[in-house]
Amino acid sequence: TARAQRFAILSFVAVSAFAAASLVPRAAGAVGPITKVVVYTDRAQITRTQAVDCGAGVAHFPGLPATLDPKTLSATLTGGAGGVEGVSHEEEATPPRAQADELEKQIRALDETLAAVRAEIDAARATEGKVVAYGSHLQRTWSEQAIMNNPPTGAWDAGLDLLRHQALGAAKRRQAAEVRQRDLLRQRAILAADLQRVQESRRRTTVKVSAFLRCRGTRTVLLSYVVPNATWRIAYQTTVEPAQRRATIVARALVQQRTGEDWTGVKLAVSGANLTRDSSPPTIQKMSVTAHKPHTVQKILSRRFEQREHLTTADTGGEQDGKKQAAVAGLPAALTEQIQLELEALEKATIPADGREVIVTLEKRQLGVEIVLEAVPKLFPYVYERATLHNPFPFAMPPGPMALHRGHAYIGTAQMKLRSPREPFAVALAVPHELQADRYLKVERLDKPGALGTKKKLLHRYEIDLGNWTNQAQRIRVLENVPVTQESEIEVSLDSDATPPTRWNKEDGILTWDVTLPARSKKTITVSYTVSLPNAYVVTGY
């Protein structure tokens, strides 16, 4: 009957679930687990925690990596009086056969668990198949009953609900078992790789560390040490929402390690400290001044200021920017190669010891953003969206790549320089192709002085064509530069036919025009300037 079949299906499902639950392995407790890790650029400081009975007078930490630096061993007691009298370490050589036997035992245990999980998956699939077959049988039966007077539709609904419930339950059990199967297969692959390494080596050495205690009762011992083969690098993700005039910046650490031990659920921090550098402060030395009579000097002006290699984009920087970036707080570059900061991850992290790169979130902040349309036709023949942000974090942002998103769309990567807290920086978001910014050369000429003149003149004239082919007015900021003289006898001036700039920063020679273009219109900006210099100068490049 339908009631008997329903009871049989429920009984089968209950027995399968009980059998699967009884086969799930229990995690064994570890002695002195890793609770905190500080990752440097080429190593890591590990902290283990162990609750001990002070009556024993010593806390043992066996099986530590042989690569740990004994000079960095440090042990402390938490809470109450007493302390650690000293720390010792000794190497422990484990024969490969014993290691192999232990690994093979763990692999066999995993294989038994995998067999049980596979049986659970097969049972769930069988249940799904039976439910489908039974459903087909009931549909045929109900088709025959449908032609009868007063067909039992209530029983049909109950039967459908039962079948649906059984099918969903079997599918959930199968999916959960498949997830466990994938995790167990990953664990088995790690053990198999360890077994292969053990079998290929003659012996493996570990370190046993002992901390000698002076205390009473039960206390907690913190043991820290430094190991190599760990590293991290910074990476950022910036999402700009132009309509809301806001941005979100996420600072992340990309962590890798091959220290020989997994870091599972640890409190993780990353540090920019360079542990190999000389930490001695700079010493000022005696400075002398002397002079000599120069030989005859010929003054030469070479036309290099209009060449592209002497220009830089907003974020590529130049030689001067590099020097400025290195000389932080007046210290020489050798002392500022690394940023002395330590950043903690927002959540506990798990970093396997197989060298895989794990992304850890360090900080996330939201901030306002200024967005303008800008054009630098001398470098880039388009108009682009320029977003001005600032470092929203309470720490200096180390140099690193920044993935840029405009809303949900990924638009590229920018290279972040060292930025102090609240220091502004800019990124380019998009290039609206309905806007035009083309620059044309009109005049580049050397005019020699006349019969009574004493000055040569270098004439330059360019035209920038701006176009707005959208259906609304657009405000565009246009940037251009003119030479800045470093000689009192050389003069740089804008010509009378030049379009007057909105701003002219005479210290860096940057001209700025703030132009409002009506919808579907064009405008031309004339850049015209003259370099005047004494006739004695030899001019090249014209």
Protein backbone atom coordinates (compact mmCIF):
# COMPACT_ATOMS: atom_id res chain seq x y z
CA THR A 1 0.00 0.00 0.00
CA ALA A 2 1.00 3.66 -0.29
CA ARG A 3 1.35 3.89 3.51
CA ALA A 4 3.69 0.89 3.62
CA GLN A 5 5.79 2.23 0.76
CA ARG A 6 6.05 5.63 2.49
CA PHE A 7 7.21 3.97 5.75
CA ALA A 8 9.80 1.92 3.85
CA ILE A 9 11.26 5.01 2.15
CA LEU A 10 11.45 6.95 5.43
CA SER A 11 13.10 4.03 7.20
CA PHE A 12 15.70 3.67 4.44
CA VAL A 13 16.51 7.39 4.56
CA ALA A 14 16.85 7.39 8.37
CA VAL A 15 19.16 4.37 8.39
CA SER A 16 21.36 5.93 5.64
CA ALA A 17 21.64 9.24 7.51
CA PHE A 18 22.56 7.48 10.79
CA ALA A 19 25.20 5.37 9.08
CA ALA A 20 26.77 8.40 7.38
CA ALA A 21 26.83 10.42 10.60
CA SER A 22 28.54 7.61 12.49
CA LEU A 23 31.36 7.53 9.93
CA VAL A 24 32.29 11.26 10.05
CA PRO A 25 35.85 11.44 11.52
CA ARG A 26 36.47 13.46 14.69
CA ALA A 27 39.34 15.95 14.64
CA ALA A 28 42.13 15.11 17.08
CA GLY A 29 43.30 17.88 19.41
CA ALA A 30 46.74 19.29 18.63
CA VAL A 31 49.39 20.05 21.27
CA GLY A 32 50.36 23.71 21.30
CA PRO A 33 48.37 24.83 18.26
CA ILE A 34 49.39 27.84 16.19
CA THR A 35 47.26 30.80 17.30
CA LYS A 36 48.99 33.82 15.74
CA VAL A 37 51.24 34.44 12.74
CA VAL A 38 53.02 37.63 11.66
CA VAL A 39 54.14 37.37 8.03
CA TYR A 40 57.10 39.40 6.78
CA THR A 41 58.31 39.70 3.20
CA ASP A 42 60.57 36.62 3.47
CA ARG A 43 59.70 34.87 6.75
CA ALA A 44 57.05 34.54 9.46
CA GLN A 45 56.87 34.69 13.24
CA ILE A 46 54.80 31.81 14.61
CA THR A 47 53.13 31.86 18.03
CA ARG A 48 51.88 28.66 19.62
CA THR A 49 49.69 28.45 22.74
CA GLN A 50 49.68 25.60 25.25
CA ALA A 51 47.93 25.20 28.62
CA VAL A 52 50.31 23.50 31.08
CA ASP A 53 50.44 22.37 34.69
CA CYS A 54 53.14 24.38 36.42
CA GLY A 55 53.83 21.41 38.69
CA ALA A 56 55.71 19.75 35.82
CA GLY A 57 58.02 22.75 35.63
CA VAL A 58 58.40 22.50 31.87
CA ALA A 59 56.29 22.83 28.71
CA HIS A 60 57.30 20.81 25.66
CA PHE A 61 56.61 21.77 22.04
CA PRO A 62 57.69 18.80 19.89
CA GLY A 63 57.64 18.41 16.11
CA LEU A 64 58.45 21.99 15.17
CA PRO A 65 60.01 22.73 11.75
CA ALA A 66 63.76 22.16 11.55
CA THR A 67 64.06 25.48 9.68
CA LEU A 68 63.11 27.61 12.70
CA ASP A 69 65.71 30.13 13.80
CA PRO A 70 66.78 29.20 17.38
CA LYS A 71 67.90 32.78 18.02
CA THR A 72 64.27 33.90 17.72
CA LEU A 73 62.81 31.47 20.31
CA SER A 74 60.81 33.29 22.97
CA ALA A 75 58.38 31.99 25.62
CA THR A 76 56.11 33.90 27.99
CA LEU A 77 53.45 33.11 30.59
CA THR A 78 50.04 34.80 30.57
CA GLY A 79 48.28 35.89 33.75
CA GLY A 80 49.45 35.68 37.35
CA ALA A 81 52.91 35.66 38.91
CA GLY A 82 55.91 33.66 37.79
CA GLY A 83 57.66 33.46 34.50
CA VAL A 84 59.78 31.47 32.08
CA GLU A 85 63.27 30.69 33.35
CA GLY A 86 64.65 29.67 29.96
CA VAL A 87 64.09 27.95 26.63
CA SER A 88 66.02 25.05 25.12
CA HIS A 89 65.77 23.22 21.82
CA GLU A 90 66.99 19.94 20.42
CA GLU A 91 66.74 18.19 17.09
CA GLU A 92 64.63 15.05 16.80
CA ALA A 93 65.35 12.74 13.87
CA THR A 94 62.38 10.66 12.84
CA PRO A 95 63.22 7.59 10.73
CA PRO A 96 61.53 7.68 7.36
CA ARG A 97 59.91 4.27 7.92
CA ALA A 98 58.11 5.44 11.06
CA GLN A 99 56.93 8.57 9.27
CA ALA A 100 55.84 6.55 6.26
CA ASP A 101 53.95 4.10 8.49
CA GLU A 102 52.12 6.95 10.19
CA LEU A 103 51.24 8.60 6.87
CA GLU A 104 50.10 5.30 5.38
CA LYS A 105 47.92 4.74 8.47
CA GLN A 106 46.32 8.15 7.99
CA ILE A 107 45.79 7.47 4.28
CA ARG A 108 44.12 4.11 5.07
CA ALA A 109 41.82 5.80 7.58
CA LEU A 110 40.93 8.41 4.96
CA ASP A 111 40.29 5.68 2.39
CA GLU A 112 37.86 3.98 4.79
CA THR A 113 36.07 7.26 5.38
CA LEU A 114 36.01 7.95 1.64
CA ALA A 115 34.49 4.51 1.02
CA ALA A 116 31.76 5.26 3.55
CA VAL A 117 31.10 8.69 2.01
CA ARG A 118 30.94 7.14 -1.47
CA ALA A 119 28.46 4.57 -0.11
CA GLU A 120 26.39 7.42 1.28
CA ILE A 121 26.46 9.15 -2.11
CA ASP A 122 25.42 5.91 -3.85
CA ALA A 123 22.65 5.36 -1.32
CA ALA A 124 21.34 8.90 -1.82
CA ARG A 125 21.40 8.43 -5.59
CA ALA A 126 19.59 5.11 -5.21
CA THR A 127 16.97 6.82 -3.07
CA GLU A 128 16.58 9.53 -5.72
CA GLY A 129 16.18 6.83 -8.37
CA LYS A 130 13.60 4.93 -6.32
CA VAL A 131 11.65 8.13 -5.69
CA VAL A 132 11.62 8.87 -9.44
CA ALA A 133 10.56 5.30 -10.28
CA TYR A 134 7.90 5.30 -7.59
CA GLY A 135 6.65 8.66 -8.85
CA SER A 136 6.32 7.25 -12.37
CA HIS A 137 4.41 4.27 -10.98
CA LEU A 138 2.06 6.52 -9.04
CA GLN A 139 1.46 8.70 -12.10
CA ARG A 140 0.34 5.65 -14.08
CA THR A 141 -1.88 4.54 -11.20
CA TRP A 142 -3.38 8.00 -10.83
CA SER A 143 -4.01 8.19 -14.58
CA GLU A 144 -6.14 5.06 -14.28
CA GLN A 145 -7.93 6.45 -11.21
CA ALA A 146 -8.59 9.79 -12.89
CA ILE A 147 -11.32 8.29 -15.10
CA MET A 148 -13.19 7.06 -12.03
CA ASN A 149 -15.89 8.98 -10.25
CA ASN A 150 -14.54 11.02 -7.32
CA PRO A 151 -10.80 10.34 -7.82
CA PRO A 152 -8.74 10.59 -4.55
CA THR A 153 -7.08 13.93 -5.30
CA GLY A 154 -6.27 14.47 -1.61
CA ALA A 155 -4.23 11.29 -1.54
CA TRP A 156 -2.51 12.38 -4.76
CA ASP A 157 -1.46 15.69 -3.18
CA ALA A 158 -0.13 13.93 -0.07
CA GLY A 159 1.77 11.47 -2.22
CA LEU A 160 3.30 14.25 -4.32
CA ASP A 161 4.38 16.14 -1.19
CA LEU A 162 5.97 13.01 0.22
CA LEU A 163 7.82 12.29 -3.03
CA ARG A 164 9.02 15.89 -3.27
CA HIS A 165 10.24 15.81 0.34
CA GLN A 166 12.06 12.52 -0.16
CA ALA A 167 13.68 13.70 -3.41
CA LEU A 168 14.89 16.97 -1.86
CA GLY A 169 16.21 15.19 1.22
CA ALA A 170 18.14 12.66 -0.85
CA ALA A 171 19.58 15.42 -3.07
CA LYS A 172 20.75 17.44 -0.03
CA ARG A 173 22.39 14.38 1.53
CA ARG A 174 24.14 13.57 -1.74
CA GLN A 175 25.41 17.13 -2.19
CA ALA A 176 26.69 17.33 1.39
CA ALA A 177 28.43 13.98 1.00
CA GLU A 178 30.01 15.12 -2.29
CA VAL A 179 31.39 18.22 -0.51
CA ARG A 180 32.89 16.00 2.21
CA GLN A 181 34.27 13.72 -0.48
CA ARG A 182 36.08 16.60 -2.19
CA ASP A 183 37.55 17.75 1.14
CA LEU A 184 38.69 14.22 2.00
CA LEU A 185 40.25 13.79 -1.45
CA ARG A 186 42.18 17.04 -0.94
CA GLN A 187 43.44 15.82 2.44
CA ARG A 188 44.44 12.49 0.89
CA ALA A 189 46.36 14.24 -1.89
CA ILE A 190 48.32 16.26 0.71
CA LEU A 191 49.12 13.12 2.71
CA ALA A 192 50.14 11.26 -0.44
CA ALA A 193 52.51 14.10 -1.37
CA ASP A 194 53.98 14.06 2.16
CA LEU A 195 54.42 10.29 1.93
CA GLN A 196 56.25 10.62 -1.37
CA ARG A 197 58.60 13.24 0.10
CA VAL A 198 59.31 11.07 3.14
CA GLN A 199 60.00 8.03 1.00
CA GLU A 200 62.37 10.01 -1.21
CA SER A 201 64.37 11.40 1.75
CA ARG A 202 66.58 9.42 4.11
CA ARG A 203 65.35 11.07 7.28
CA ARG A 204 63.49 14.19 8.41
CA THR A 205 64.53 16.30 11.36
CA THR A 206 62.18 18.24 13.59
CA VAL A 207 62.87 20.42 16.62
CA LYS A 208 61.61 19.94 20.16
CA VAL A 209 61.46 23.13 22.22
CA SER A 210 61.17 23.10 26.01
CA ALA A 211 60.20 26.11 28.13
CA PHE A 212 61.21 25.92 31.82
CA LEU A 213 58.58 27.47 34.06
CA ARG A 214 58.40 29.12 37.47
CA CYS A 215 54.73 29.31 38.38
CA ARG A 216 51.83 27.63 40.18
CA GLY A 217 48.59 26.08 39.00
CA THR A 218 47.54 25.83 35.38
CA ARG A 219 48.89 28.53 33.10
CA THR A 220 49.13 29.29 29.40
CA VAL A 221 52.52 29.36 27.66
CA LEU A 222 53.07 31.38 24.49
CA LEU A 223 55.99 30.18 22.37
CA SER A 224 57.10 32.22 19.35
CA TYR A 225 59.77 31.55 16.73
CA VAL A 226 60.67 32.68 13.21
CA VAL A 227 60.72 30.40 10.16
CA PRO A 228 61.61 31.15 6.51
CA ASN A 229 59.64 30.40 3.31
CA ALA A 230 56.73 32.74 3.94
CA THR A 231 55.87 35.95 2.13
CA TRP A 232 53.09 38.40 1.37
CA ARG A 233 52.34 41.28 -0.95
CA ILE A 234 49.77 44.03 -0.89
CA ALA A 235 46.89 44.35 -3.35
CA TYR A 236 43.98 46.76 -3.47
CA GLN A 237 40.49 46.73 -4.93
CA THR A 238 38.79 50.06 -5.61
CA THR A 239 35.16 50.32 -6.67
CA VAL A 240 33.99 53.77 -7.79
CA GLU A 241 30.29 54.59 -8.11
CA PRO A 242 30.17 57.84 -10.15
CA ALA A 243 26.45 58.44 -9.68
CA GLN A 244 26.77 58.35 -5.88
CA ARG A 245 30.15 60.14 -5.89
CA ARG A 246 31.58 57.50 -3.57
CA ALA A 247 34.22 54.79 -3.64
CA THR A 248 35.17 51.70 -1.63
CA ILE A 249 38.80 50.72 -1.16
CA VAL A 250 39.74 47.26 0.13
CA ALA A 251 43.32 46.55 1.24
CA ARG A 252 44.25 42.89 0.90
CA ALA A 253 47.27 40.74 1.63
CA LEU A 254 48.20 37.91 -0.74
CA VAL A 255 49.93 35.38 1.54
CA GLN A 256 51.97 32.29 0.61
CA GLN A 257 53.96 29.92 2.79
CA ARG A 258 55.92 26.68 2.65
CA THR A 259 57.04 26.53 6.28
CA GLY A 260 56.16 22.87 6.71
CA GLU A 261 53.06 23.41 8.88
CA ASP A 262 49.58 24.63 8.01
CA TRP A 263 48.23 27.75 9.67
CA THR A 264 44.61 26.89 10.49
CA GLY A 265 42.21 29.48 11.90
CA VAL A 266 45.01 31.76 13.11
CA LYS A 267 45.09 35.41 13.99
CA LEU A 268 47.08 36.74 11.03
CA ALA A 269 49.05 39.94 10.64
CA VAL A 270 51.41 41.15 7.91
CA SER A 271 54.41 43.39 8.40
CA GLY A 272 56.39 45.57 6.03
CA ALA A 273 59.46 45.55 8.26
CA ASN A 274 62.71 44.64 6.51
CA LEU A 275 64.38 42.36 9.06
CA THR A 276 67.62 42.15 7.09
CA ARG A 277 68.34 45.88 6.79
CA ASP A 278 70.81 47.82 8.91
CA SER A 279 68.75 49.58 11.59
CA SER A 280 71.50 52.06 12.47
CA PRO A 281 70.32 55.69 12.27
CA PRO A 282 71.93 57.98 9.67
CA THR A 283 75.01 59.95 10.72
CA ILE A 284 75.67 63.42 9.34
CA GLN A 285 79.22 63.97 8.04
CA LYS A 286 81.52 66.92 7.50
CA MET A 287 80.75 68.92 4.35
CA SER A 288 83.31 71.06 2.48
CA VAL A 289 83.06 73.58 -0.35
CA THR A 290 85.72 74.37 -2.92
CA ALA A 291 85.96 76.08 -6.29
CA HIS A 292 88.03 76.05 -9.47
CA LYS A 293 88.32 78.28 -12.49
CA PRO A 294 86.21 76.86 -15.31
CA HIS A 295 87.23 76.59 -18.93
CA THR A 296 85.45 78.57 -21.61
CA VAL A 297 81.80 77.50 -21.66
CA GLN A 298 79.58 77.44 -24.71
CA LYS A 299 75.89 77.79 -23.87
CA ILE A 300 73.67 75.33 -25.71
CA LEU A 301 69.88 75.02 -25.67
CA SER A 302 68.60 71.69 -26.94
CA ARG A 303 64.98 71.36 -27.93
CA ARG A 304 64.00 68.50 -25.63
CA PHE A 305 61.17 69.95 -23.58
CA GLU A 306 58.54 69.09 -26.22
CA GLN A 307 59.65 65.46 -26.61
CA ARG A 308 57.30 62.83 -25.16
CA GLU A 309 59.95 61.05 -23.13
CA HIS A 310 60.23 64.17 -20.98
CA LEU A 311 56.58 63.99 -20.04
CA THR A 312 54.88 61.72 -17.54
CA THR A 313 51.31 60.59 -17.09
CA ALA A 314 49.48 61.16 -13.84
CA ASP A 315 50.35 57.81 -12.26
CA THR A 316 53.56 56.63 -13.93
CA GLY A 317 55.68 59.25 -12.22
CA GLY A 318 59.22 60.17 -13.17
CA GLU A 319 62.68 60.21 -11.73
CA GLN A 320 61.88 63.11 -9.46
CA ASP A 321 58.73 61.39 -8.16
CA GLY A 322 60.74 58.27 -7.41
CA LYS A 323 63.25 60.25 -5.36
CA LYS A 324 60.46 62.00 -3.51
CA GLN A 325 58.76 58.71 -2.75
CA ALA A 326 61.94 57.15 -1.40
CA ALA A 327 62.91 60.04 0.84
CA VAL A 328 60.20 59.66 3.46
CA ALA A 329 60.44 61.88 6.55
CA GLY A 330 63.87 63.08 5.50
CA LEU A 331 65.48 59.64 5.71
CA PRO A 332 67.66 58.22 2.94
CA ALA A 333 66.17 55.67 0.54
CA ALA A 334 68.10 52.81 2.16
CA LEU A 335 66.11 53.32 5.36
CA THR A 336 62.71 53.69 3.69
CA GLU A 337 62.67 50.73 1.32
CA GLN A 338 60.15 48.99 3.59
CA ILE A 339 57.23 50.55 5.43
CA GLN A 340 57.49 49.80 9.13
CA LEU A 341 53.88 48.83 9.79
CA GLU A 342 51.98 45.78 10.97
CA LEU A 343 48.42 45.19 9.76
CA GLU A 344 46.05 42.62 11.20
CA ALA A 345 43.55 40.68 9.10
CA LEU A 346 39.90 41.44 9.79
CA GLU A 347 39.16 37.74 10.35
CA LYS A 348 41.05 34.61 11.29
CA ALA A 349 42.76 32.98 8.34
CA THR A 350 43.83 29.54 7.15
CA ILE A 351 47.00 29.37 5.04
CA PRO A 352 48.05 25.91 3.81
CA ALA A 353 51.74 25.04 3.65
CA ASP A 354 51.64 24.05 -0.04
CA GLY A 355 52.50 27.50 -1.42
CA ARG A 356 49.01 28.40 -2.58
CA GLU A 357 48.27 32.13 -2.56
CA VAL A 358 45.52 33.06 -0.11
CA ILE A 359 43.77 36.44 -0.16
CA VAL A 360 43.24 37.99 3.28
CA THR A 361 41.29 41.22 3.86
CA LEU A 362 43.18 43.75 5.98
CA GLU A 363 40.92 46.82 5.88
CA LYS A 364 37.90 48.16 4.01
CA ARG A 365 36.79 51.79 3.90
CA GLN A 366 34.23 53.90 2.01
CA LEU A 367 34.93 57.51 1.03
CA GLY A 368 33.71 60.35 -1.12
CA VAL A 369 35.21 60.88 -4.56
CA GLU A 370 35.53 63.86 -6.92
CA ILE A 371 34.98 63.01 -10.59
CA VAL A 372 35.78 65.37 -13.46
CA LEU A 373 36.19 65.03 -17.22
CA GLU A 374 39.81 65.73 -18.11
CA ALA A 375 41.97 65.78 -21.23
CA VAL A 376 45.75 65.88 -21.70
CA PRO A 377 45.92 65.87 -25.52
CA LYS A 378 49.71 66.15 -25.49
CA LEU A 379 49.82 62.63 -24.02
CA PHE A 380 46.44 61.02 -24.70
CA PRO A 381 44.09 62.02 -27.56
CA TYR A 382 40.91 61.36 -25.59
CA VAL A 383 38.80 62.75 -22.79
CA TYR A 384 38.66 60.54 -19.70
CA GLU A 385 36.96 60.45 -16.32
CA ARG A 386 39.40 61.38 -13.56
CA ALA A 387 38.45 60.27 -10.06
CA THR A 388 40.29 61.92 -7.17
CA LEU A 389 40.37 59.90 -3.97
CA HIS A 390 42.55 59.82 -0.85
CA ASN A 391 44.06 57.21 1.40
CA PRO A 392 41.17 56.50 3.82
CA PHE A 393 43.15 54.18 6.09
CA PRO A 394 44.90 55.15 9.34
CA PHE A 395 48.15 53.74 7.93
CA ALA A 396 50.34 54.48 4.93
CA MET A 397 49.28 52.50 1.88
CA PRO A 398 52.28 50.44 0.66
CA PRO A 399 52.96 50.39 -3.09
CA GLY A 400 51.09 47.70 -4.97
CA PRO A 401 48.57 46.91 -7.73
CA MET A 402 45.03 48.25 -7.50
CA ALA A 403 42.17 46.54 -9.34
CA LEU A 404 39.70 49.19 -10.52
CA HIS A 405 35.94 48.74 -10.88
CA ARG A 406 33.47 51.28 -12.18
CA GLY A 407 30.33 50.06 -10.51
CA HIS A 408 30.23 46.32 -11.21
CA ALA A 409 32.47 46.52 -14.28
CA TYR A 410 36.18 45.74 -14.01
CA ILE A 411 38.08 48.40 -15.97
CA GLY A 412 41.75 47.68 -15.35
CA THR A 413 44.64 47.99 -12.91
CA ALA A 414 46.55 50.97 -11.55
CA GLN A 415 49.85 50.92 -9.69
CA MET A 416 49.50 52.47 -6.24
CA LYS A 417 52.47 54.45 -4.94
CA LEU A 418 53.26 54.96 -1.28
CA ARG A 419 50.45 57.12 0.11
CA SER A 420 50.27 58.64 3.57
CA PRO A 421 46.92 58.78 5.41
CA ARG A 422 44.59 61.34 3.78
CA GLU A 423 47.04 61.83 0.89
CA PRO A 424 45.10 62.25 -2.39
CA PHE A 425 45.61 60.26 -5.57
CA ALA A 426 43.77 59.95 -8.87
CA VAL A 427 42.67 57.13 -11.19
CA ALA A 428 41.25 57.16 -14.71
CA LEU A 429 37.86 55.46 -14.92
CA ALA A 430 36.47 55.55 -18.45
CA VAL A 431 36.92 57.11 -21.89
CA PRO A 432 33.65 58.56 -23.25
CA HIS A 433 34.07 58.17 -27.00
CA GLU A 434 31.45 60.85 -27.68
CA LEU A 435 34.02 63.43 -26.48
CA GLN A 436 36.97 64.54 -28.62
CA ALA A 437 40.38 66.05 -27.73
CA ASP A 438 42.84 66.24 -30.65
CA ARG A 439 46.09 68.23 -30.65
CA TYR A 440 47.68 69.55 -33.86
CA LEU A 441 51.09 71.08 -34.50
CA LYS A 442 50.91 74.43 -36.25
CA VAL A 443 54.27 76.14 -35.73
CA GLU A 444 57.66 75.13 -34.32
CA ARG A 445 60.25 77.61 -35.58
CA LEU A 446 63.49 79.35 -34.65
CA ASP A 447 63.55 83.07 -35.51
CA LYS A 448 67.01 84.60 -35.49
CA PRO A 449 67.43 88.21 -34.40
CA GLY A 450 67.37 90.96 -36.96
CA ALA A 451 70.18 93.36 -37.73
CA LEU A 452 69.74 95.25 -34.48
CA GLY A 453 68.28 92.43 -32.36
CA THR A 454 70.05 90.52 -29.60
CA LYS A 455 67.48 87.77 -28.91
CA LYS A 456 66.60 84.54 -30.63
CA LYS A 457 63.00 83.43 -30.46
CA LEU A 458 61.65 79.86 -30.45
CA LEU A 459 58.03 80.00 -31.62
CA HIS A 460 55.55 77.26 -30.74
CA ARG A 461 51.90 77.08 -31.69
CA TYR A 462 49.47 74.16 -31.28
CA GLU A 463 45.71 73.81 -31.56
CA ILE A 464 43.50 71.54 -29.45
CA ASP A 465 40.12 70.65 -30.94
CA LEU A 466 37.51 69.73 -28.34
CA GLY A 467 34.26 68.10 -29.39
CA ASN A 468 31.12 67.18 -27.46
CA TRP A 469 28.83 64.88 -29.44
CA THR A 470 26.53 64.01 -26.54
CA ASN A 471 23.04 65.43 -26.07
CA GLN A 472 23.95 67.53 -23.02
CA ALA A 473 26.55 70.12 -22.07
CA GLN A 474 29.86 68.79 -20.73
CA ARG A 475 32.49 70.51 -18.58
CA ILE A 476 36.02 69.42 -19.50
CA ARG A 477 39.33 70.27 -17.84
CA VAL A 478 42.15 70.54 -20.41
CA LEU A 479 45.81 70.39 -19.35
CA GLU A 480 48.91 71.45 -21.29
CA ASN A 481 52.43 72.43 -20.24
CA VAL A 482 54.92 75.06 -21.36
CA PRO A 483 58.64 75.16 -20.49
CA VAL A 484 59.79 76.59 -17.16
CA THR A 485 63.00 78.57 -17.44
CA GLN A 486 65.85 77.96 -15.03
CA GLU A 487 68.03 80.72 -16.47
CA SER A 488 67.39 84.40 -15.78
CA GLU A 489 68.37 85.35 -19.34
CA ILE A 490 65.85 82.97 -20.93
CA GLU A 491 62.20 84.06 -20.97
CA VAL A 492 59.03 82.06 -21.66
CA SER A 493 55.86 83.97 -22.51
CA LEU A 494 52.40 83.22 -23.86
CA ASP A 495 51.65 84.84 -27.18
CA SER A 496 48.80 87.24 -27.76
CA ASP A 497 46.92 84.76 -29.97
CA ALA A 498 46.94 82.07 -27.25
CA THR A 499 43.64 81.13 -25.63
CA PRO A 500 43.88 82.57 -22.09
CA PRO A 501 44.09 79.68 -19.62
CA THR A 502 41.89 79.47 -16.55
CA ARG A 503 45.02 78.86 -14.49
CA TRP A 504 48.75 79.01 -15.18
CA ASN A 505 51.00 77.48 -12.54
CA LYS A 506 54.30 79.15 -13.37
CA GLU A 507 56.26 76.90 -11.02
CA ASP A 508 55.59 73.76 -13.07
CA GLY A 509 54.39 75.36 -16.32
CA ILE A 510 50.97 73.65 -16.25
CA LEU A 511 48.19 75.45 -18.14
CA THR A 512 44.58 74.60 -17.29
CA TRP A 513 41.42 75.45 -19.20
CA ASP A 514 38.00 74.72 -17.69
CA VAL A 515 35.79 74.50 -20.77
CA THR A 516 32.01 74.07 -20.87
CA LEU A 517 30.94 72.63 -24.22
CA PRO A 518 27.28 72.80 -25.21
CA ALA A 519 25.67 69.66 -26.58
CA ARG A 520 26.91 68.64 -30.04
CA SER A 521 29.45 71.43 -30.40
CA LYS A 522 33.18 72.03 -30.93
CA LYS A 523 35.75 74.47 -29.59
CA THR A 524 39.41 75.14 -30.41
CA ILE A 525 42.05 76.04 -27.81
CA THR A 526 45.19 77.71 -29.12
CA VAL A 527 48.42 77.01 -27.27
CA SER A 528 51.02 79.55 -28.38
CA TYR A 529 54.21 80.52 -26.54
CA THR A 530 57.66 81.95 -27.27
CA VAL A 531 61.03 81.14 -25.72
CA SER A 532 63.37 84.17 -25.94
CA LEU A 533 67.10 83.73 -25.35
CA PRO A 534 70.34 85.61 -26.02
CA ASN A 535 71.89 85.29 -29.43
CA ALA A 536 75.00 83.72 -27.84
CA TYR A 537 73.14 80.46 -27.21
CA VAL A 538 73.58 77.63 -29.69
CA VAL A 539 70.13 76.14 -30.38
CA THR A 540 69.71 72.55 -31.56
CA GLY A 541 66.62 70.61 -32.58
CA TYR A 542 64.99 73.26 -34.81
